[in-house]
């Protein structure tokens, strides 16, 4: 595990990027179409309309998407992808496609699951190490780890000793997902440095 401020910074950036519950999924949808209506995004993603609107607003504040300034046809897209975010949206689409291929698309709506998976993939294998890297609560981390173990993306190994504990490692199935996740994080970091 790299122990640099940059690594920790990227893990926390990923957590913030996933804070709008549907942010990555919105980027992925807009990468395919360039623009969408809220109703269509709701149907595509299966997101609660209120939560989706909050996510759209959060994505707008981050500069990822723009409200369509034009007037005209009632079926015109309400939200457009910011032209400067095309590469970030493409990486989000690749990540989303990989999650769908693995049958894990609901992880996009789990705030801490992907940042925790990334930290374990980076070498943090103990509860304490992951918590320190991401700065999250014990409860949030326990829920994310349980979800990832249940979904078969992490393996929990119990170690005897004093004190007894668990270590986590990525299942081989999650390797391709980790590659896509890391490409998204790198692009997210590059986008943040540009701003």
N, C-alpha and C. Protein backbone atom coordinates (compact mmCIF):
# COMPACT_ATOMS: atom_id res chain seq x y z
N UNK A 1 0.85 -1.18 0.00
CA UNK A 1 0.00 0.00 0.00
C UNK A 1 0.89 1.23 0.00
N UNK A 2 0.63 2.15 -0.90
CA UNK A 2 1.35 3.40 -0.92
C UNK A 2 0.83 4.28 0.21
N UNK A 3 1.75 4.84 0.97
CA UNK A 3 1.34 5.67 2.10
C UNK A 3 1.68 7.12 1.80
N UNK A 4 1.05 7.67 0.81
CA UNK A 4 1.30 9.05 0.43
C UNK A 4 0.03 9.85 0.56
N UNK A 5 0.14 11.17 0.74
CA UNK A 5 -1.06 12.00 0.80
C UNK A 5 -1.89 11.90 -0.47
N UNK A 6 -1.21 11.69 -1.62
CA UNK A 6 -1.94 11.61 -2.89
C UNK A 6 -2.87 10.40 -2.90
N UNK A 7 -2.37 9.26 -2.42
CA UNK A 7 -3.20 8.05 -2.40
C UNK A 7 -4.42 8.26 -1.51
N UNK A 8 -4.20 8.81 -0.32
CA UNK A 8 -5.31 9.04 0.59
C UNK A 8 -6.26 10.07 -0.02
N UNK A 9 -5.71 11.08 -0.63
CA UNK A 9 -6.52 12.13 -1.24
C UNK A 9 -7.42 11.53 -2.33
N UNK A 10 -6.89 10.63 -3.15
CA UNK A 10 -7.70 10.03 -4.21
C UNK A 10 -8.80 9.14 -3.64
N UNK A 11 -8.51 8.41 -2.57
CA UNK A 11 -9.54 7.59 -1.94
C UNK A 11 -10.67 8.44 -1.40
N UNK A 12 -10.32 9.56 -0.79
CA UNK A 12 -11.34 10.46 -0.26
C UNK A 12 -12.08 11.17 -1.40
N UNK A 13 -11.39 11.47 -2.50
CA UNK A 13 -12.06 12.06 -3.66
C UNK A 13 -13.09 11.09 -4.23
N UNK A 14 -12.72 9.82 -4.30
CA UNK A 14 -13.67 8.82 -4.80
C UNK A 14 -14.90 8.78 -3.91
N UNK A 15 -14.68 8.82 -2.60
CA UNK A 15 -15.82 8.81 -1.68
C UNK A 15 -16.69 10.03 -1.91
N UNK A 16 -16.09 11.21 -2.12
CA UNK A 16 -16.88 12.41 -2.39
C UNK A 16 -17.58 12.32 -3.74
N UNK A 17 -16.92 11.72 -4.73
CA UNK A 17 -17.55 11.57 -6.05
C UNK A 17 -18.76 10.66 -5.97
N UNK A 18 -18.72 9.70 -5.08
CA UNK A 18 -19.84 8.78 -4.93
C UNK A 18 -20.87 9.28 -3.93
N UNK A 19 -20.57 10.42 -3.28
CA UNK A 19 -21.51 10.98 -2.31
C UNK A 19 -22.86 11.30 -2.94
N UNK A 20 -22.90 11.92 -4.14
CA UNK A 20 -24.22 11.96 -4.76
C UNK A 20 -24.54 10.53 -5.19
N UNK A 21 -25.47 9.94 -4.55
CA UNK A 21 -25.71 8.50 -4.66
C UNK A 21 -25.69 7.98 -6.10
N UNK A 22 -26.19 8.74 -7.03
CA UNK A 22 -26.27 8.29 -8.41
C UNK A 22 -25.31 9.03 -9.32
N UNK A 23 -24.31 9.71 -8.78
CA UNK A 23 -23.40 10.53 -9.58
C UNK A 23 -22.68 9.78 -10.69
N UNK A 24 -22.07 8.65 -10.38
CA UNK A 24 -21.34 7.89 -11.39
C UNK A 24 -22.30 7.34 -12.44
N UNK A 25 -23.46 6.87 -12.01
CA UNK A 25 -24.44 6.34 -12.95
C UNK A 25 -24.97 7.44 -13.87
N UNK A 26 -25.15 8.65 -13.34
CA UNK A 26 -25.60 9.78 -14.17
C UNK A 26 -24.54 10.10 -15.21
N UNK A 27 -23.28 10.16 -14.80
CA UNK A 27 -22.19 10.42 -15.75
C UNK A 27 -22.16 9.35 -16.84
N UNK A 28 -22.32 8.10 -16.43
CA UNK A 28 -22.30 7.01 -17.40
C UNK A 28 -23.46 7.14 -18.39
N UNK A 29 -24.65 7.44 -17.91
CA UNK A 29 -25.81 7.60 -18.79
C UNK A 29 -25.62 8.76 -19.76
N UNK A 30 -25.10 9.87 -19.25
CA UNK A 30 -24.89 11.03 -20.11
C UNK A 30 -23.74 10.82 -21.08
N UNK A 31 -22.79 9.94 -20.76
CA UNK A 31 -21.71 9.67 -21.70
C UNK A 31 -22.23 8.96 -22.94
N UNK A 32 -23.29 8.19 -22.76
CA UNK A 32 -23.87 7.46 -23.90
C UNK A 32 -24.75 8.35 -24.76
N UNK A 33 -25.44 9.31 -24.12
CA UNK A 33 -26.42 10.09 -24.87
C UNK A 33 -26.05 11.56 -25.03
N UNK A 34 -25.18 12.08 -24.18
CA UNK A 34 -24.83 13.49 -24.22
C UNK A 34 -25.79 14.36 -23.42
N UNK A 35 -27.03 13.94 -23.29
CA UNK A 35 -28.03 14.69 -22.54
C UNK A 35 -29.25 13.84 -22.28
N UNK A 36 -29.91 14.10 -21.18
CA UNK A 36 -31.10 13.32 -20.81
C UNK A 36 -32.09 14.17 -20.04
N UNK A 37 -33.31 13.71 -20.04
CA UNK A 37 -34.36 14.29 -19.21
C UNK A 37 -34.35 13.57 -17.86
N UNK A 38 -34.81 14.26 -16.82
CA UNK A 38 -34.83 13.68 -15.49
C UNK A 38 -35.70 12.43 -15.47
N UNK A 39 -36.84 12.47 -16.13
CA UNK A 39 -37.73 11.32 -16.16
C UNK A 39 -37.04 10.11 -16.76
N UNK A 40 -36.32 10.31 -17.85
CA UNK A 40 -35.62 9.19 -18.51
C UNK A 40 -34.49 8.66 -17.62
N UNK A 41 -33.75 9.55 -16.97
CA UNK A 41 -32.71 9.10 -16.05
C UNK A 41 -33.32 8.28 -14.91
N UNK A 42 -34.45 8.75 -14.41
CA UNK A 42 -35.16 8.01 -13.36
C UNK A 42 -35.50 6.60 -13.83
N UNK A 43 -35.99 6.48 -15.04
CA UNK A 43 -36.35 5.17 -15.60
C UNK A 43 -35.12 4.31 -15.86
N UNK A 44 -34.05 4.91 -16.41
CA UNK A 44 -32.83 4.16 -16.72
C UNK A 44 -32.15 3.62 -15.46
N UNK A 45 -32.10 4.46 -14.44
CA UNK A 45 -31.33 4.12 -13.25
C UNK A 45 -32.16 3.46 -12.16
N UNK A 46 -33.47 3.63 -12.21
CA UNK A 46 -34.32 3.11 -11.15
C UNK A 46 -34.14 3.87 -9.84
N UNK A 47 -33.73 5.11 -9.96
CA UNK A 47 -33.45 5.93 -8.78
C UNK A 47 -34.71 6.63 -8.29
N UNK A 48 -34.76 6.84 -7.00
CA UNK A 48 -35.82 7.63 -6.40
C UNK A 48 -35.74 9.04 -6.99
N UNK A 49 -36.85 9.63 -7.45
CA UNK A 49 -36.79 10.96 -8.09
C UNK A 49 -36.16 12.04 -7.21
N UNK A 50 -36.46 12.05 -5.92
CA UNK A 50 -35.88 13.05 -5.04
C UNK A 50 -34.38 12.88 -4.90
N UNK A 51 -33.94 11.64 -4.71
CA UNK A 51 -32.52 11.36 -4.60
C UNK A 51 -31.80 11.68 -5.91
N UNK A 52 -32.44 11.36 -7.02
CA UNK A 52 -31.86 11.65 -8.32
C UNK A 52 -31.68 13.15 -8.52
N UNK A 53 -32.67 13.94 -8.16
CA UNK A 53 -32.55 15.40 -8.29
C UNK A 53 -31.41 15.95 -7.43
N UNK A 54 -31.24 15.41 -6.22
CA UNK A 54 -30.12 15.83 -5.37
C UNK A 54 -28.79 15.45 -6.01
N UNK A 55 -28.74 14.26 -6.60
CA UNK A 55 -27.51 13.83 -7.27
C UNK A 55 -27.20 14.69 -8.48
N UNK A 56 -28.23 15.04 -9.24
CA UNK A 56 -28.03 15.91 -10.40
C UNK A 56 -27.50 17.28 -9.97
N UNK A 57 -28.07 17.81 -8.92
CA UNK A 57 -27.61 19.11 -8.42
C UNK A 57 -26.17 19.03 -7.91
N UNK A 58 -25.84 17.95 -7.24
CA UNK A 58 -24.47 17.76 -6.76
C UNK A 58 -23.50 17.63 -7.94
N UNK A 59 -23.89 16.91 -8.97
CA UNK A 59 -23.05 16.78 -10.18
C UNK A 59 -22.90 18.14 -10.86
N UNK A 60 -23.94 18.94 -10.86
CA UNK A 60 -23.86 20.28 -11.44
C UNK A 60 -22.89 21.15 -10.65
N UNK A 61 -22.95 21.07 -9.34
CA UNK A 61 -22.05 21.85 -8.50
C UNK A 61 -20.60 21.44 -8.70
N UNK A 62 -20.37 20.18 -9.01
CA UNK A 62 -19.00 19.71 -9.28
C UNK A 62 -18.53 20.09 -10.68
N UNK A 63 -19.43 20.59 -11.50
CA UNK A 63 -19.06 20.98 -12.85
C UNK A 63 -19.05 19.83 -13.85
N UNK A 64 -19.72 18.73 -13.52
CA UNK A 64 -19.75 17.58 -14.41
C UNK A 64 -20.86 17.69 -15.44
N UNK A 65 -21.98 18.29 -15.05
CA UNK A 65 -23.13 18.40 -15.95
C UNK A 65 -23.65 19.83 -15.92
N UNK A 66 -24.44 20.15 -16.93
CA UNK A 66 -25.02 21.49 -17.06
C UNK A 66 -26.50 21.39 -17.33
N UNK A 67 -27.30 22.32 -16.79
CA UNK A 67 -28.70 22.35 -17.21
C UNK A 67 -28.76 22.83 -18.65
N UNK A 68 -29.64 22.28 -19.43
CA UNK A 68 -29.77 22.68 -20.83
C UNK A 68 -30.32 24.11 -20.88
N UNK A 69 -29.55 25.05 -21.43
CA UNK A 69 -30.00 26.44 -21.42
C UNK A 69 -31.06 26.75 -22.48
N UNK A 70 -31.23 25.84 -23.42
CA UNK A 70 -32.14 26.12 -24.53
C UNK A 70 -33.60 25.96 -24.18
N UNK A 71 -34.43 26.57 -25.00
CA UNK A 71 -35.87 26.40 -24.89
C UNK A 71 -36.32 25.74 -26.18
N UNK A 72 -37.45 25.17 -26.17
CA UNK A 72 -37.92 24.56 -27.41
C UNK A 72 -38.74 23.34 -27.15
N UNK A 73 -38.39 22.30 -27.84
CA UNK A 73 -39.16 21.07 -27.81
C UNK A 73 -39.25 20.52 -26.38
N UNK A 74 -40.45 20.09 -25.99
CA UNK A 74 -40.62 19.61 -24.61
C UNK A 74 -39.84 18.32 -24.31
N UNK A 75 -39.37 17.63 -25.33
CA UNK A 75 -38.62 16.40 -25.09
C UNK A 75 -37.10 16.62 -25.14
N UNK A 76 -36.68 17.87 -25.19
CA UNK A 76 -35.25 18.14 -25.21
C UNK A 76 -34.63 17.71 -23.89
N UNK A 77 -33.36 17.35 -23.88
CA UNK A 77 -32.72 16.96 -22.62
C UNK A 77 -32.69 18.11 -21.63
N UNK A 78 -32.93 17.80 -20.37
CA UNK A 78 -32.87 18.82 -19.32
C UNK A 78 -31.44 18.99 -18.79
N UNK A 79 -30.65 17.92 -18.89
CA UNK A 79 -29.28 17.94 -18.39
C UNK A 79 -28.32 17.49 -19.48
N UNK A 80 -27.19 18.21 -19.60
CA UNK A 80 -26.16 17.90 -20.58
C UNK A 80 -24.85 17.62 -19.87
N UNK A 81 -24.04 16.79 -20.48
CA UNK A 81 -22.71 16.52 -19.97
C UNK A 81 -21.82 17.71 -20.28
N UNK A 82 -21.08 18.18 -19.30
CA UNK A 82 -20.13 19.26 -19.52
C UNK A 82 -19.07 18.76 -20.51
N UNK A 83 -18.77 19.50 -21.56
CA UNK A 83 -17.80 19.04 -22.56
C UNK A 83 -16.42 18.73 -21.96
N UNK A 84 -16.06 19.38 -20.87
CA UNK A 84 -14.77 19.12 -20.24
C UNK A 84 -14.75 17.81 -19.46
N UNK A 85 -15.89 17.19 -19.29
CA UNK A 85 -15.98 15.95 -18.49
C UNK A 85 -16.21 14.71 -19.33
N UNK A 86 -15.96 14.80 -20.61
CA UNK A 86 -16.21 13.64 -21.49
C UNK A 86 -15.39 12.42 -21.07
N UNK A 87 -14.11 12.62 -20.77
CA UNK A 87 -13.26 11.48 -20.40
C UNK A 87 -13.68 10.90 -19.05
N UNK A 88 -14.01 11.75 -18.10
CA UNK A 88 -14.49 11.28 -16.80
C UNK A 88 -15.78 10.47 -16.99
N UNK A 89 -16.67 10.96 -17.83
CA UNK A 89 -17.93 10.26 -18.09
C UNK A 89 -17.68 8.92 -18.79
N UNK A 90 -16.70 8.89 -19.69
CA UNK A 90 -16.36 7.64 -20.38
C UNK A 90 -15.84 6.61 -19.38
N UNK A 91 -15.00 7.05 -18.46
CA UNK A 91 -14.48 6.14 -17.42
C UNK A 91 -15.62 5.67 -16.50
N UNK A 92 -16.55 6.56 -16.20
CA UNK A 92 -17.72 6.17 -15.39
C UNK A 92 -18.54 5.12 -16.13
N UNK A 93 -18.69 5.27 -17.45
CA UNK A 93 -19.44 4.29 -18.24
C UNK A 93 -18.74 2.94 -18.24
N UNK A 94 -17.41 2.94 -18.34
CA UNK A 94 -16.66 1.67 -18.30
C UNK A 94 -16.80 1.00 -16.94
N UNK A 95 -16.73 1.78 -15.89
CA UNK A 95 -16.90 1.25 -14.54
C UNK A 95 -18.30 0.68 -14.36
N UNK A 96 -19.30 1.42 -14.81
CA UNK A 96 -20.69 0.97 -14.70
C UNK A 96 -20.91 -0.31 -15.50
N UNK A 97 -20.34 -0.38 -16.70
CA UNK A 97 -20.48 -1.59 -17.53
C UNK A 97 -19.84 -2.80 -16.85
N UNK A 98 -18.69 -2.60 -16.24
CA UNK A 98 -18.04 -3.71 -15.53
C UNK A 98 -18.87 -4.16 -14.34
N UNK A 99 -19.44 -3.22 -13.60
CA UNK A 99 -20.31 -3.58 -12.48
C UNK A 99 -21.53 -4.36 -12.97
N UNK A 100 -22.11 -3.92 -14.08
CA UNK A 100 -23.27 -4.63 -14.64
C UNK A 100 -22.88 -6.03 -15.11
N UNK A 101 -21.71 -6.17 -15.73
CA UNK A 101 -21.25 -7.48 -16.20
C UNK A 101 -21.05 -8.46 -15.04
N UNK A 102 -20.64 -7.93 -13.90
CA UNK A 102 -20.44 -8.77 -12.71
C UNK A 102 -21.72 -8.95 -11.90
N UNK A 103 -22.81 -8.31 -12.33
CA UNK A 103 -24.06 -8.37 -11.58
C UNK A 103 -23.98 -7.59 -10.28
N UNK A 104 -23.18 -6.54 -10.25
CA UNK A 104 -22.94 -5.77 -9.03
C UNK A 104 -23.34 -4.31 -9.18
N UNK A 105 -24.24 -3.98 -10.08
CA UNK A 105 -24.55 -2.57 -10.35
C UNK A 105 -25.13 -1.83 -9.15
N UNK A 106 -25.71 -2.55 -8.20
CA UNK A 106 -26.26 -1.86 -7.02
C UNK A 106 -25.16 -1.27 -6.14
N UNK A 107 -23.92 -1.65 -6.36
CA UNK A 107 -22.82 -1.06 -5.58
C UNK A 107 -22.64 0.42 -5.88
N UNK A 108 -23.13 0.88 -7.03
CA UNK A 108 -23.07 2.31 -7.34
C UNK A 108 -23.88 3.14 -6.35
N UNK A 109 -24.91 2.56 -5.80
CA UNK A 109 -25.76 3.28 -4.86
C UNK A 109 -25.30 3.12 -3.42
N UNK A 110 -24.30 2.29 -3.18
CA UNK A 110 -23.75 2.10 -1.83
C UNK A 110 -22.56 3.04 -1.67
N UNK A 111 -22.73 4.07 -0.88
CA UNK A 111 -21.76 5.17 -0.80
C UNK A 111 -20.32 4.72 -0.58
N UNK A 112 -20.07 3.81 0.33
CA UNK A 112 -18.70 3.48 0.70
C UNK A 112 -18.17 2.20 0.07
N UNK A 113 -18.98 1.44 -0.62
CA UNK A 113 -18.55 0.13 -1.13
C UNK A 113 -17.35 0.25 -2.08
N UNK A 114 -17.43 1.11 -3.08
CA UNK A 114 -16.34 1.20 -4.04
C UNK A 114 -15.08 1.83 -3.45
N UNK A 115 -15.18 2.89 -2.63
CA UNK A 115 -13.95 3.38 -2.00
C UNK A 115 -13.28 2.32 -1.11
N UNK A 116 -14.07 1.53 -0.38
CA UNK A 116 -13.50 0.48 0.46
C UNK A 116 -12.85 -0.59 -0.40
N UNK A 117 -13.53 -1.01 -1.47
CA UNK A 117 -12.95 -2.00 -2.39
C UNK A 117 -11.62 -1.50 -2.94
N UNK A 118 -11.57 -0.24 -3.31
CA UNK A 118 -10.33 0.33 -3.85
C UNK A 118 -9.22 0.30 -2.81
N UNK A 119 -9.52 0.67 -1.57
CA UNK A 119 -8.50 0.68 -0.52
C UNK A 119 -7.95 -0.72 -0.28
N UNK A 120 -8.82 -1.72 -0.27
CA UNK A 120 -8.34 -3.10 -0.10
C UNK A 120 -7.49 -3.49 -1.30
N UNK A 121 -7.92 -3.10 -2.50
CA UNK A 121 -7.13 -3.36 -3.70
C UNK A 121 -5.77 -2.68 -3.67
N UNK A 122 -5.68 -1.56 -2.97
CA UNK A 122 -4.41 -0.83 -2.84
C UNK A 122 -3.52 -1.41 -1.74
N UNK A 123 -4.05 -2.37 -0.97
CA UNK A 123 -3.23 -3.03 0.03
C UNK A 123 -3.66 -2.86 1.47
N UNK A 124 -4.61 -2.01 1.75
CA UNK A 124 -5.12 -1.87 3.12
C UNK A 124 -5.95 -3.10 3.43
N UNK A 125 -5.50 -3.91 4.37
CA UNK A 125 -6.19 -5.18 4.60
C UNK A 125 -6.82 -5.32 5.98
N UNK A 126 -6.61 -4.35 6.85
CA UNK A 126 -7.20 -4.40 8.19
C UNK A 126 -8.22 -3.28 8.35
N UNK A 127 -9.19 -3.55 9.18
CA UNK A 127 -10.28 -2.61 9.43
C UNK A 127 -9.72 -1.23 9.77
N UNK A 128 -8.79 -1.20 10.69
CA UNK A 128 -8.20 0.06 11.16
C UNK A 128 -7.52 0.83 10.02
N UNK A 129 -6.79 0.11 9.17
CA UNK A 129 -6.09 0.76 8.05
C UNK A 129 -7.07 1.39 7.06
N UNK A 130 -8.13 0.67 6.74
CA UNK A 130 -9.13 1.17 5.79
C UNK A 130 -9.83 2.39 6.38
N UNK A 131 -10.20 2.30 7.65
CA UNK A 131 -10.87 3.42 8.32
C UNK A 131 -9.99 4.66 8.32
N UNK A 132 -8.71 4.51 8.60
CA UNK A 132 -7.80 5.65 8.62
C UNK A 132 -7.61 6.24 7.23
N UNK A 133 -7.54 5.41 6.22
CA UNK A 133 -7.35 5.90 4.85
C UNK A 133 -8.55 6.71 4.37
N UNK A 134 -9.74 6.24 4.68
CA UNK A 134 -10.95 6.88 4.16
C UNK A 134 -11.59 7.86 5.14
N UNK A 135 -11.26 7.73 6.41
CA UNK A 135 -11.82 8.64 7.40
C UNK A 135 -13.32 8.46 7.59
N UNK A 136 -13.78 7.22 7.65
CA UNK A 136 -15.20 6.97 7.83
C UNK A 136 -15.46 6.32 9.19
N UNK A 137 -16.71 6.26 9.56
CA UNK A 137 -17.08 5.71 10.87
C UNK A 137 -16.96 4.19 10.86
N UNK A 138 -16.86 3.62 12.06
CA UNK A 138 -16.79 2.16 12.19
C UNK A 138 -18.01 1.50 11.59
N UNK A 139 -19.18 2.07 11.84
CA UNK A 139 -20.42 1.48 11.33
C UNK A 139 -20.47 1.50 9.81
N UNK A 140 -20.11 2.64 9.21
CA UNK A 140 -20.13 2.74 7.74
C UNK A 140 -19.15 1.75 7.12
N UNK A 141 -17.97 1.61 7.72
CA UNK A 141 -16.98 0.67 7.20
C UNK A 141 -17.46 -0.77 7.37
N UNK A 142 -18.01 -1.10 8.54
CA UNK A 142 -18.50 -2.47 8.77
C UNK A 142 -19.59 -2.83 7.77
N UNK A 143 -20.50 -1.91 7.49
CA UNK A 143 -21.57 -2.18 6.52
C UNK A 143 -21.00 -2.38 5.11
N UNK A 144 -20.04 -1.53 4.73
CA UNK A 144 -19.43 -1.66 3.39
C UNK A 144 -18.67 -2.97 3.26
N UNK A 145 -17.88 -3.32 4.27
CA UNK A 145 -17.13 -4.59 4.23
C UNK A 145 -18.07 -5.78 4.17
N UNK A 146 -19.12 -5.76 4.98
CA UNK A 146 -20.09 -6.87 4.96
C UNK A 146 -20.74 -7.00 3.59
N UNK A 147 -21.10 -5.87 2.98
CA UNK A 147 -21.71 -5.90 1.65
C UNK A 147 -20.74 -6.49 0.63
N UNK A 148 -19.49 -6.06 0.65
CA UNK A 148 -18.51 -6.54 -0.32
C UNK A 148 -18.18 -8.01 -0.11
N UNK A 149 -18.13 -8.46 1.12
CA UNK A 149 -17.89 -9.88 1.40
C UNK A 149 -19.10 -10.70 0.94
N UNK A 150 -20.30 -10.23 1.27
CA UNK A 150 -21.53 -10.93 0.88
C UNK A 150 -21.65 -11.02 -0.64
N UNK A 151 -21.27 -9.96 -1.35
CA UNK A 151 -21.36 -9.93 -2.81
C UNK A 151 -20.21 -10.69 -3.48
N UNK A 152 -19.26 -11.19 -2.70
CA UNK A 152 -18.19 -12.02 -3.26
C UNK A 152 -17.02 -11.24 -3.85
N UNK A 153 -16.91 -9.96 -3.55
CA UNK A 153 -15.82 -9.17 -4.09
C UNK A 153 -14.62 -9.10 -3.14
N UNK A 154 -14.87 -9.30 -1.86
CA UNK A 154 -13.80 -9.36 -0.86
C UNK A 154 -13.86 -10.69 -0.14
N UNK A 155 -12.70 -11.12 0.32
CA UNK A 155 -12.60 -12.33 1.13
C UNK A 155 -12.14 -11.90 2.52
N UNK A 156 -12.87 -12.33 3.52
CA UNK A 156 -12.51 -12.04 4.92
C UNK A 156 -11.79 -13.25 5.49
N UNK A 157 -10.60 -13.01 6.01
CA UNK A 157 -9.82 -14.07 6.65
C UNK A 157 -9.69 -13.74 8.12
N UNK A 158 -10.12 -14.66 8.97
CA UNK A 158 -10.03 -14.46 10.41
C UNK A 158 -8.66 -14.91 10.89
N UNK A 159 -8.03 -14.07 11.72
CA UNK A 159 -6.70 -14.37 12.25
C UNK A 159 -6.77 -14.45 13.75
N UNK A 160 -6.25 -15.56 14.27
CA UNK A 160 -6.19 -15.70 15.72
C UNK A 160 -4.96 -14.97 16.21
N UNK A 161 -4.95 -14.66 17.42
CA UNK A 161 -3.85 -13.93 18.02
C UNK A 161 -4.41 -12.99 19.05
N UNK A 162 -3.57 -12.11 19.48
CA UNK A 162 -4.04 -11.15 20.48
C UNK A 162 -3.81 -9.75 19.97
N UNK A 163 -4.77 -8.98 19.69
CA UNK A 163 -6.19 -9.35 19.67
C UNK A 163 -6.53 -10.07 18.36
N UNK A 164 -7.57 -10.90 18.39
CA UNK A 164 -7.98 -11.55 17.14
C UNK A 164 -8.52 -10.50 16.17
N UNK A 165 -8.44 -10.79 14.91
CA UNK A 165 -8.92 -9.82 13.94
C UNK A 165 -9.19 -10.43 12.59
N UNK A 166 -9.62 -9.59 11.69
CA UNK A 166 -9.90 -10.00 10.32
C UNK A 166 -8.99 -9.25 9.38
N UNK A 167 -8.64 -9.91 8.31
CA UNK A 167 -7.92 -9.26 7.21
C UNK A 167 -8.77 -9.48 5.96
N UNK A 168 -8.69 -8.52 5.06
CA UNK A 168 -9.50 -8.56 3.85
C UNK A 168 -8.60 -8.57 2.64
N UNK A 169 -9.03 -9.29 1.62
CA UNK A 169 -8.33 -9.26 0.34
C UNK A 169 -9.37 -9.35 -0.77
N UNK A 170 -8.96 -8.88 -1.92
CA UNK A 170 -9.87 -8.89 -3.06
C UNK A 170 -9.99 -10.28 -3.65
N UNK A 171 -11.19 -10.64 -4.01
CA UNK A 171 -11.43 -11.87 -4.73
C UNK A 171 -10.89 -11.70 -6.15
N UNK A 172 -10.37 -12.75 -6.77
CA UNK A 172 -9.87 -12.61 -8.15
C UNK A 172 -10.91 -12.06 -9.13
N UNK A 173 -12.19 -12.29 -8.85
CA UNK A 173 -13.26 -11.79 -9.72
C UNK A 173 -13.24 -10.26 -9.79
N UNK A 174 -12.78 -9.62 -8.74
CA UNK A 174 -12.85 -8.15 -8.68
C UNK A 174 -11.67 -7.45 -9.35
N UNK A 175 -10.72 -8.18 -9.92
CA UNK A 175 -9.52 -7.55 -10.51
C UNK A 175 -9.86 -6.59 -11.65
N UNK A 176 -10.68 -7.03 -12.59
CA UNK A 176 -11.06 -6.16 -13.72
C UNK A 176 -11.84 -4.95 -13.22
N UNK A 177 -12.70 -5.18 -12.25
CA UNK A 177 -13.45 -4.07 -11.65
C UNK A 177 -12.50 -3.07 -11.01
N UNK A 178 -11.49 -3.56 -10.31
CA UNK A 178 -10.50 -2.67 -9.68
C UNK A 178 -9.75 -1.85 -10.71
N UNK A 179 -9.44 -2.45 -11.87
CA UNK A 179 -8.75 -1.71 -12.94
C UNK A 179 -9.63 -0.56 -13.44
N UNK A 180 -10.90 -0.84 -13.68
CA UNK A 180 -11.82 0.20 -14.15
C UNK A 180 -12.02 1.28 -13.09
N UNK A 181 -12.11 0.84 -11.83
CA UNK A 181 -12.27 1.79 -10.73
C UNK A 181 -11.04 2.69 -10.62
N UNK A 182 -9.86 2.12 -10.76
CA UNK A 182 -8.64 2.92 -10.67
C UNK A 182 -8.54 3.92 -11.83
N UNK A 183 -8.94 3.52 -13.03
CA UNK A 183 -8.94 4.45 -14.17
C UNK A 183 -9.89 5.62 -13.91
N UNK A 184 -11.05 5.33 -13.32
CA UNK A 184 -11.99 6.39 -12.96
C UNK A 184 -11.39 7.32 -11.92
N UNK A 185 -10.74 6.76 -10.91
CA UNK A 185 -10.14 7.56 -9.85
C UNK A 185 -9.02 8.44 -10.40
N UNK A 186 -8.21 7.90 -11.29
CA UNK A 186 -7.12 8.68 -11.90
C UNK A 186 -7.69 9.85 -12.69
N UNK A 187 -8.72 9.59 -13.48
CA UNK A 187 -9.35 10.67 -14.25
C UNK A 187 -10.00 11.68 -13.32
N UNK A 188 -10.60 11.21 -12.26
CA UNK A 188 -11.21 12.10 -11.27
C UNK A 188 -10.13 12.99 -10.65
N UNK A 189 -8.99 12.39 -10.33
CA UNK A 189 -7.88 13.17 -9.78
C UNK A 189 -7.35 14.18 -10.76
N UNK A 190 -7.25 13.81 -12.03
CA UNK A 190 -6.78 14.75 -13.06
C UNK A 190 -7.78 15.88 -13.23
N UNK A 191 -9.04 15.57 -13.20
CA UNK A 191 -10.09 16.59 -13.34
C UNK A 191 -10.04 17.57 -12.16
N UNK A 192 -9.80 17.05 -10.97
CA UNK A 192 -9.73 17.89 -9.79
C UNK A 192 -8.51 18.80 -9.84
N UNK A 193 -7.40 18.29 -10.34
CA UNK A 193 -6.19 19.11 -10.45
C UNK A 193 -6.36 20.24 -11.46
N UNK A 194 -7.17 20.00 -12.51
CA UNK A 194 -7.43 21.03 -13.52
C UNK A 194 -8.24 22.17 -12.94
N UNK A 195 -9.14 21.85 -11.98
CA UNK A 195 -10.05 22.87 -11.43
C UNK A 195 -9.38 23.81 -10.48
